[in-house]
Amino acid sequence: MTSTTRSAPSTVQAATIVSSLLTVQTSGRGFVDLTAEAAKFVRELHAREGALTLFIRHTSASLTIQENADPSVLVDLATALSRLAPENAGWVHDTEGPDDMPAHIKTMLTGTSLQVPVLNGALALGTWQAIYLIEHRARPHRREIVLQFTGQAN
């Protein structure tokens, strides 16, 4: 038998919208943990209740929430994405190199924005969750992520 519980609803007047641009220099293909930067942003603006939206301003890198406990998860995720969009699949778009079109496909599959609830002044991530930028291109890139909190702040 399944058991469920739900806390009492809380209401907040969303009177605050705060934005910031986070710039990340990647070292090439792979995952970059943004959790500490996102938490620092929420702490610095004294957020109480609301939502943090993260939006990456690129089409060959993306955002995801994934496990942060076992690094082999990230290895397996990268392997799966490479299998879904391999470089040698005969893509028509190859102006920027053989990794560009696969990067666009991987971004489409994983997404360009995330929303994380903020409860009691902290990101409401699960115990093993982290926020990652996924660099899909082989060479290093400078990536921009818009951080925007909407809700109540002190």
N, C-alpha and C. Protein backbone atom coordinates (compact mmCIF):
# COMPACT_ATOMS: atom_id res chain seq x y z
N MET A 1 0.84 -1.17 0.00
CA MET A 1 0.00 0.00 0.00
C MET A 1 0.89 1.25 0.00
N THR A 2 0.50 2.25 -0.77
CA THR A 2 1.25 3.49 -0.86
C THR A 2 0.72 4.50 0.14
N SER A 3 1.63 5.21 0.78
CA SER A 3 1.25 6.25 1.73
C SER A 3 1.80 7.59 1.25
N THR A 4 0.99 8.61 1.31
CA THR A 4 1.45 9.95 0.94
C THR A 4 1.07 10.94 2.01
N THR A 5 1.89 11.97 2.14
CA THR A 5 1.58 13.09 3.04
C THR A 5 1.93 14.38 2.31
N ARG A 6 1.30 15.46 2.73
CA ARG A 6 1.59 16.77 2.13
C ARG A 6 1.53 17.80 3.22
N SER A 7 2.49 18.72 3.22
CA SER A 7 2.48 19.79 4.22
C SER A 7 1.37 20.78 3.91
N ALA A 8 1.04 21.58 4.89
CA ALA A 8 0.02 22.61 4.68
C ALA A 8 0.54 23.63 3.68
N PRO A 9 -0.34 24.14 2.81
CA PRO A 9 0.11 25.13 1.82
C PRO A 9 0.55 26.43 2.51
N SER A 10 1.52 27.09 1.90
CA SER A 10 1.95 28.40 2.40
C SER A 10 1.78 29.40 1.27
N THR A 11 1.43 30.62 1.63
CA THR A 11 1.21 31.67 0.65
C THR A 11 2.25 32.75 0.84
N VAL A 12 2.83 33.21 -0.26
CA VAL A 12 3.84 34.26 -0.23
C VAL A 12 3.48 35.29 -1.28
N GLN A 13 3.57 36.55 -0.93
CA GLN A 13 3.40 37.63 -1.89
C GLN A 13 4.72 37.76 -2.64
N ALA A 14 4.72 37.52 -3.95
CA ALA A 14 5.95 37.58 -4.75
C ALA A 14 6.27 39.03 -5.09
N ALA A 15 6.91 39.70 -4.15
CA ALA A 15 7.18 41.13 -4.31
C ALA A 15 8.59 41.41 -4.82
N THR A 16 9.40 40.40 -4.91
CA THR A 16 10.81 40.60 -5.26
C THR A 16 11.17 39.80 -6.51
N ILE A 17 11.83 40.47 -7.44
CA ILE A 17 12.46 39.79 -8.57
C ILE A 17 13.89 40.30 -8.63
N VAL A 18 14.85 39.40 -8.49
CA VAL A 18 16.26 39.76 -8.50
C VAL A 18 16.96 38.91 -9.55
N SER A 19 17.75 39.55 -10.41
CA SER A 19 18.45 38.83 -11.48
C SER A 19 19.95 39.07 -11.39
N SER A 20 20.70 38.10 -11.88
CA SER A 20 22.15 38.20 -11.94
C SER A 20 22.64 37.34 -13.09
N LEU A 21 23.76 37.74 -13.69
CA LEU A 21 24.35 36.97 -14.78
C LEU A 21 25.59 36.25 -14.27
N LEU A 22 25.57 34.93 -14.32
CA LEU A 22 26.69 34.10 -13.90
C LEU A 22 27.47 33.70 -15.15
N THR A 23 28.77 34.00 -15.17
CA THR A 23 29.63 33.63 -16.29
C THR A 23 30.54 32.48 -15.85
N VAL A 24 30.56 31.43 -16.66
CA VAL A 24 31.34 30.23 -16.35
C VAL A 24 32.26 29.93 -17.52
N GLN A 25 33.54 29.76 -17.23
CA GLN A 25 34.50 29.33 -18.23
C GLN A 25 34.61 27.81 -18.12
N THR A 26 34.16 27.09 -19.13
CA THR A 26 34.24 25.63 -19.09
C THR A 26 35.61 25.19 -19.60
N SER A 27 35.96 23.95 -19.30
CA SER A 27 37.23 23.41 -19.79
C SER A 27 37.01 22.44 -20.95
N GLY A 28 35.81 22.47 -21.52
CA GLY A 28 35.46 21.55 -22.59
C GLY A 28 34.37 20.62 -22.13
N ARG A 29 34.09 19.62 -22.93
CA ARG A 29 32.99 18.69 -22.68
C ARG A 29 32.99 18.18 -21.24
N GLY A 30 31.80 18.25 -20.62
CA GLY A 30 31.67 17.73 -19.25
C GLY A 30 30.67 18.52 -18.43
N PHE A 31 30.60 18.19 -17.15
CA PHE A 31 29.64 18.77 -16.21
C PHE A 31 30.34 19.76 -15.29
N VAL A 32 29.70 20.90 -15.05
CA VAL A 32 30.20 21.91 -14.11
C VAL A 32 29.13 22.10 -13.06
N ASP A 33 29.46 21.87 -11.81
CA ASP A 33 28.52 21.99 -10.70
C ASP A 33 28.28 23.47 -10.38
N LEU A 34 27.04 23.92 -10.53
CA LEU A 34 26.66 25.31 -10.26
C LEU A 34 25.92 25.46 -8.94
N THR A 35 25.76 24.40 -8.19
CA THR A 35 24.93 24.43 -6.99
C THR A 35 25.41 25.46 -5.98
N ALA A 36 26.69 25.52 -5.71
CA ALA A 36 27.22 26.47 -4.72
C ALA A 36 26.97 27.91 -5.15
N GLU A 37 27.15 28.20 -6.44
CA GLU A 37 26.90 29.56 -6.94
C GLU A 37 25.43 29.92 -6.84
N ALA A 38 24.55 28.99 -7.16
CA ALA A 38 23.11 29.25 -7.07
C ALA A 38 22.70 29.48 -5.61
N ALA A 39 23.22 28.66 -4.71
CA ALA A 39 22.91 28.81 -3.27
C ALA A 39 23.46 30.13 -2.73
N LYS A 40 24.65 30.52 -3.18
CA LYS A 40 25.24 31.79 -2.75
C LYS A 40 24.37 32.97 -3.20
N PHE A 41 23.87 32.93 -4.43
CA PHE A 41 22.99 33.96 -4.95
C PHE A 41 21.75 34.09 -4.07
N VAL A 42 21.12 32.97 -3.74
CA VAL A 42 19.91 32.97 -2.91
C VAL A 42 20.22 33.51 -1.52
N ARG A 43 21.36 33.11 -0.95
CA ARG A 43 21.77 33.60 0.38
C ARG A 43 22.02 35.09 0.38
N GLU A 44 22.76 35.59 -0.64
CA GLU A 44 23.14 36.99 -0.68
C GLU A 44 21.95 37.93 -0.80
N LEU A 45 20.88 37.49 -1.44
CA LEU A 45 19.72 38.37 -1.57
C LEU A 45 18.71 38.14 -0.45
N HIS A 46 19.07 37.28 0.51
CA HIS A 46 18.23 36.99 1.67
C HIS A 46 16.84 36.51 1.24
N ALA A 47 16.83 35.63 0.26
CA ALA A 47 15.57 35.04 -0.22
C ALA A 47 14.93 34.24 0.90
N ARG A 48 13.62 34.27 0.97
CA ARG A 48 12.89 33.47 1.96
C ARG A 48 12.11 32.36 1.27
N GLU A 49 11.11 32.72 0.48
CA GLU A 49 10.25 31.76 -0.20
C GLU A 49 10.08 32.21 -1.65
N GLY A 50 10.13 31.28 -2.58
CA GLY A 50 9.94 31.64 -3.98
C GLY A 50 10.53 30.59 -4.90
N ALA A 51 11.09 31.07 -6.01
CA ALA A 51 11.67 30.15 -6.99
C ALA A 51 12.89 30.79 -7.64
N LEU A 52 13.90 29.97 -7.86
CA LEU A 52 15.08 30.39 -8.59
C LEU A 52 15.01 29.77 -9.98
N THR A 53 15.06 30.62 -10.98
CA THR A 53 15.12 30.16 -12.36
C THR A 53 16.54 30.33 -12.85
N LEU A 54 17.07 29.30 -13.52
CA LEU A 54 18.37 29.36 -14.17
C LEU A 54 18.14 29.18 -15.66
N PHE A 55 18.74 30.04 -16.48
CA PHE A 55 18.56 29.98 -17.92
C PHE A 55 19.92 30.16 -18.59
N ILE A 56 20.34 29.20 -19.39
CA ILE A 56 21.62 29.30 -20.09
C ILE A 56 21.39 29.91 -21.46
N ARG A 57 22.22 30.88 -21.80
CA ARG A 57 22.03 31.66 -23.03
C ARG A 57 22.83 31.07 -24.19
N HIS A 58 22.71 29.78 -24.39
CA HIS A 58 23.48 29.10 -25.44
C HIS A 58 22.68 27.93 -25.99
N THR A 59 23.07 27.47 -27.19
CA THR A 59 22.38 26.34 -27.81
C THR A 59 23.26 25.10 -27.93
N SER A 60 24.47 25.16 -27.38
CA SER A 60 25.34 23.99 -27.41
C SER A 60 25.87 23.64 -26.01
N ALA A 61 25.18 24.13 -25.00
CA ALA A 61 25.41 23.77 -23.60
C ALA A 61 24.05 23.80 -22.93
N SER A 62 23.90 23.09 -21.82
CA SER A 62 22.58 23.00 -21.20
C SER A 62 22.69 22.91 -19.69
N LEU A 63 21.53 22.80 -19.05
CA LEU A 63 21.43 22.70 -17.60
C LEU A 63 20.67 21.44 -17.22
N THR A 64 21.03 20.88 -16.08
CA THR A 64 20.31 19.71 -15.58
C THR A 64 20.46 19.64 -14.07
N ILE A 65 19.55 18.92 -13.43
CA ILE A 65 19.68 18.56 -12.02
C ILE A 65 19.91 17.06 -11.99
N GLN A 66 21.01 16.67 -11.35
CA GLN A 66 21.37 15.26 -11.31
C GLN A 66 22.04 14.92 -10.00
N GLU A 67 22.33 13.64 -9.83
CA GLU A 67 22.98 13.13 -8.62
C GLU A 67 24.36 13.75 -8.44
N ASN A 68 24.70 14.06 -7.18
CA ASN A 68 26.01 14.62 -6.89
C ASN A 68 26.85 13.72 -6.01
N ALA A 69 26.39 12.52 -5.71
CA ALA A 69 27.10 11.64 -4.79
C ALA A 69 28.13 10.75 -5.48
N ASP A 70 27.75 10.14 -6.59
CA ASP A 70 28.62 9.19 -7.28
C ASP A 70 29.01 9.77 -8.64
N PRO A 71 30.28 10.15 -8.83
CA PRO A 71 30.72 10.75 -10.10
C PRO A 71 30.51 9.85 -11.32
N SER A 72 30.36 8.54 -11.11
CA SER A 72 30.15 7.65 -12.26
C SER A 72 28.80 7.92 -12.92
N VAL A 73 27.85 8.51 -12.19
CA VAL A 73 26.56 8.88 -12.79
C VAL A 73 26.80 9.87 -13.93
N LEU A 74 27.63 10.88 -13.70
CA LEU A 74 27.91 11.88 -14.73
C LEU A 74 28.63 11.27 -15.92
N VAL A 75 29.51 10.31 -15.67
CA VAL A 75 30.20 9.61 -16.76
C VAL A 75 29.18 8.85 -17.61
N ASP A 76 28.27 8.15 -16.96
CA ASP A 76 27.25 7.38 -17.69
C ASP A 76 26.29 8.30 -18.44
N LEU A 77 25.95 9.44 -17.85
CA LEU A 77 25.08 10.39 -18.55
C LEU A 77 25.76 10.94 -19.80
N ALA A 78 27.04 11.26 -19.70
CA ALA A 78 27.79 11.75 -20.86
C ALA A 78 27.86 10.68 -21.94
N THR A 79 28.05 9.44 -21.53
CA THR A 79 28.08 8.32 -22.48
C THR A 79 26.73 8.18 -23.19
N ALA A 80 25.65 8.27 -22.43
CA ALA A 80 24.31 8.15 -23.02
C ALA A 80 24.05 9.27 -24.02
N LEU A 81 24.41 10.50 -23.67
CA LEU A 81 24.21 11.62 -24.59
C LEU A 81 25.04 11.44 -25.86
N SER A 82 26.26 10.94 -25.73
CA SER A 82 27.11 10.71 -26.90
C SER A 82 26.53 9.62 -27.80
N ARG A 83 25.89 8.64 -27.21
CA ARG A 83 25.25 7.58 -28.01
C ARG A 83 24.01 8.11 -28.72
N LEU A 84 23.28 9.01 -28.07
CA LEU A 84 22.07 9.57 -28.67
C LEU A 84 22.37 10.54 -29.80
N ALA A 85 23.50 11.25 -29.69
CA ALA A 85 23.88 12.25 -30.71
C ALA A 85 25.38 12.14 -30.99
N PRO A 86 25.79 11.11 -31.70
CA PRO A 86 27.21 10.91 -31.99
C PRO A 86 27.74 11.94 -33.00
N GLU A 87 29.02 12.21 -32.94
CA GLU A 87 29.64 13.18 -33.84
C GLU A 87 29.70 12.69 -35.29
N ASN A 88 29.77 11.41 -35.49
CA ASN A 88 29.99 10.86 -36.83
C ASN A 88 28.71 10.36 -37.50
N ALA A 89 27.60 11.04 -37.26
CA ALA A 89 26.32 10.57 -37.80
C ALA A 89 25.95 11.21 -39.13
N GLY A 90 26.88 11.95 -39.74
CA GLY A 90 26.61 12.56 -41.04
C GLY A 90 25.68 13.75 -40.97
N TRP A 91 25.81 14.57 -39.96
CA TRP A 91 24.97 15.74 -39.80
C TRP A 91 25.21 16.74 -40.93
N VAL A 92 24.18 17.41 -41.37
CA VAL A 92 24.29 18.43 -42.41
C VAL A 92 24.99 19.68 -41.86
N HIS A 93 24.60 20.11 -40.65
CA HIS A 93 25.19 21.30 -40.03
C HIS A 93 26.54 20.91 -39.41
N ASP A 94 27.62 21.32 -40.04
CA ASP A 94 28.95 21.03 -39.50
C ASP A 94 29.91 22.22 -39.66
N THR A 95 29.34 23.41 -39.86
CA THR A 95 30.14 24.62 -40.09
C THR A 95 31.11 24.89 -38.95
N GLU A 96 30.68 24.64 -37.71
CA GLU A 96 31.51 24.93 -36.54
C GLU A 96 32.25 23.69 -36.03
N GLY A 97 32.27 22.64 -36.80
CA GLY A 97 32.98 21.43 -36.41
C GLY A 97 32.04 20.26 -36.17
N PRO A 98 32.61 19.06 -36.08
CA PRO A 98 31.80 17.85 -35.96
C PRO A 98 31.07 17.71 -34.62
N ASP A 99 31.47 18.49 -33.60
CA ASP A 99 30.80 18.39 -32.30
C ASP A 99 29.65 19.38 -32.15
N ASP A 100 29.45 20.28 -33.13
CA ASP A 100 28.45 21.33 -32.97
C ASP A 100 27.01 20.82 -33.08
N MET A 101 26.67 20.13 -34.15
CA MET A 101 25.29 19.64 -34.28
C MET A 101 24.94 18.67 -33.17
N PRO A 102 25.81 17.71 -32.82
CA PRO A 102 25.49 16.85 -31.67
C PRO A 102 25.26 17.68 -30.39
N ALA A 103 26.00 18.78 -30.23
CA ALA A 103 25.81 19.64 -29.05
C ALA A 103 24.42 20.26 -29.04
N HIS A 104 23.96 20.69 -30.21
CA HIS A 104 22.61 21.26 -30.30
C HIS A 104 21.55 20.22 -29.93
N ILE A 105 21.72 19.00 -30.39
CA ILE A 105 20.77 17.93 -30.09
C ILE A 105 20.78 17.61 -28.60
N LYS A 106 21.96 17.53 -28.01
CA LYS A 106 22.07 17.25 -26.57
C LYS A 106 21.41 18.35 -25.75
N THR A 107 21.55 19.61 -26.19
CA THR A 107 20.89 20.72 -25.50
C THR A 107 19.38 20.58 -25.60
N MET A 108 18.88 20.22 -26.78
CA MET A 108 17.45 20.04 -26.96
C MET A 108 16.93 18.93 -26.02
N LEU A 109 17.70 17.88 -25.85
CA LEU A 109 17.29 16.76 -25.00
C LEU A 109 17.34 17.08 -23.51
N THR A 110 18.27 17.94 -23.11
CA THR A 110 18.46 18.20 -21.68
C THR A 110 17.86 19.52 -21.22
N GLY A 111 17.84 20.56 -22.04
CA GLY A 111 17.14 21.79 -21.70
C GLY A 111 18.02 22.98 -21.39
N THR A 112 17.43 24.15 -21.53
CA THR A 112 18.16 25.40 -21.32
C THR A 112 17.74 26.14 -20.06
N SER A 113 16.71 25.65 -19.35
CA SER A 113 16.31 26.33 -18.13
C SER A 113 15.87 25.34 -17.07
N LEU A 114 16.01 25.79 -15.82
CA LEU A 114 15.58 25.00 -14.67
C LEU A 114 14.88 25.94 -13.70
N GLN A 115 13.99 25.40 -12.90
CA GLN A 115 13.40 26.17 -11.82
C GLN A 115 13.50 25.34 -10.55
N VAL A 116 14.06 25.97 -9.50
CA VAL A 116 14.25 25.30 -8.22
C VAL A 116 13.49 26.08 -7.15
N PRO A 117 12.61 25.43 -6.41
CA PRO A 117 11.93 26.13 -5.33
C PRO A 117 12.92 26.59 -4.25
N VAL A 118 12.60 27.72 -3.65
CA VAL A 118 13.36 28.22 -2.50
C VAL A 118 12.41 28.18 -1.31
N LEU A 119 12.77 27.41 -0.29
CA LEU A 119 11.96 27.25 0.91
C LEU A 119 12.79 27.62 2.12
N ASN A 120 12.26 28.46 2.96
CA ASN A 120 12.97 28.88 4.18
C ASN A 120 14.38 29.36 3.89
N GLY A 121 14.56 30.08 2.80
CA GLY A 121 15.84 30.69 2.48
C GLY A 121 16.87 29.79 1.83
N ALA A 122 16.48 28.58 1.43
CA ALA A 122 17.45 27.65 0.83
C ALA A 122 16.85 26.97 -0.40
N LEU A 123 17.73 26.56 -1.30
CA LEU A 123 17.28 25.78 -2.46
C LEU A 123 16.67 24.47 -1.95
N ALA A 124 15.52 24.10 -2.49
CA ALA A 124 14.82 22.90 -2.03
C ALA A 124 15.25 21.67 -2.83
N LEU A 125 16.56 21.53 -3.01
CA LEU A 125 17.09 20.36 -3.71
C LEU A 125 17.08 19.15 -2.77
N GLY A 126 16.96 17.98 -3.37
CA GLY A 126 17.04 16.75 -2.59
C GLY A 126 18.47 16.49 -2.12
N THR A 127 18.62 15.55 -1.22
CA THR A 127 19.91 15.25 -0.60
C THR A 127 21.01 15.00 -1.61
N TRP A 128 20.72 14.30 -2.68
CA TRP A 128 21.75 13.92 -3.64
C TRP A 128 21.66 14.70 -4.95
N GLN A 129 20.95 15.82 -4.95
CA GLN A 129 20.78 16.60 -6.18
C GLN A 129 21.76 17.77 -6.25
N ALA A 130 22.22 18.05 -7.46
CA ALA A 130 23.06 19.21 -7.75
C ALA A 130 22.63 19.79 -9.08
N ILE A 131 22.93 21.08 -9.25
CA ILE A 131 22.62 21.79 -10.50
C ILE A 131 23.89 21.79 -11.34
N TYR A 132 23.78 21.34 -12.58
CA TYR A 132 24.95 21.26 -13.45
C TYR A 132 24.74 22.01 -14.75
N LEU A 133 25.79 22.67 -15.20
CA LEU A 133 25.92 23.12 -16.58
C LEU A 133 26.56 21.95 -17.31
N ILE A 134 26.02 21.58 -18.46
CA ILE A 134 26.64 20.53 -19.27
C ILE A 134 27.25 21.19 -20.50
N GLU A 135 28.56 21.14 -20.61
CA GLU A 135 29.25 21.65 -21.81
C GLU A 135 29.27 20.51 -22.82
N HIS A 136 28.64 20.74 -23.96
CA HIS A 136 28.56 19.69 -24.99
C HIS A 136 29.64 19.81 -26.05
N ARG A 137 30.37 20.92 -26.08
CA ARG A 137 31.42 21.12 -27.08
C ARG A 137 32.75 20.62 -26.52
N ALA A 138 33.63 20.18 -27.43
CA ALA A 138 34.92 19.61 -27.02
C ALA A 138 35.87 20.66 -26.46
N ARG A 139 35.86 21.86 -27.04
CA ARG A 139 36.81 22.87 -26.57
C ARG A 139 36.18 23.77 -25.50
N PRO A 140 37.00 24.47 -24.71
CA PRO A 140 36.48 25.37 -23.67
C PRO A 140 35.61 26.48 -24.25
N HIS A 141 34.62 26.90 -23.47
CA HIS A 141 33.74 28.00 -23.86
C HIS A 141 33.42 28.86 -22.64
N ARG A 142 33.09 30.11 -22.91
CA ARG A 142 32.61 31.02 -21.88
C ARG A 142 31.08 30.98 -21.96
N ARG A 143 30.43 30.54 -20.90
CA ARG A 143 28.98 30.36 -20.89
C ARG A 143 28.33 31.34 -19.91
N GLU A 144 27.15 31.83 -20.28
CA GLU A 144 26.40 32.76 -19.44
C GLU A 144 25.10 32.11 -18.99
N ILE A 145 24.85 32.20 -17.68
CA ILE A 145 23.63 31.68 -17.10
C ILE A 145 22.93 32.81 -16.36
N VAL A 146 21.68 33.07 -16.71
CA VAL A 146 20.88 34.06 -16.00
C VAL A 146 20.29 33.40 -14.77
N LEU A 147 20.52 34.00 -13.61
CA LEU A 147 19.91 33.56 -12.36
C LEU A 147 18.81 34.57 -12.04
N GLN A 148 17.61 34.11 -11.77
CA GLN A 148 16.53 35.04 -11.44
C GLN A 148 15.67 34.44 -10.33
N PHE A 149 15.64 35.17 -9.21
CA PHE A 149 14.80 34.77 -8.08
C PHE A 149 13.51 35.58 -8.12
N THR A 150 12.39 34.88 -7.94
CA THR A 150 11.09 35.53 -7.83
C THR A 150 10.47 35.03 -6.53
N GLY A 151 10.10 35.96 -5.67
CA GLY A 151 9.48 35.55 -4.41
C GLY A 151 9.63 36.60 -3.35
N GLN A 152 9.82 36.13 -2.13
CA GLN A 152 9.91 36.99 -0.97
C GLN A 152 11.34 36.97 -0.44
N ALA A 153 11.88 38.15 -0.20
CA ALA A 153 13.21 38.28 0.37
C ALA A 153 13.17 39.26 1.53
N ASN A 154 14.08 39.12 2.45
CA ASN A 154 14.15 40.05 3.60
C ASN A 154 14.90 41.31 3.25
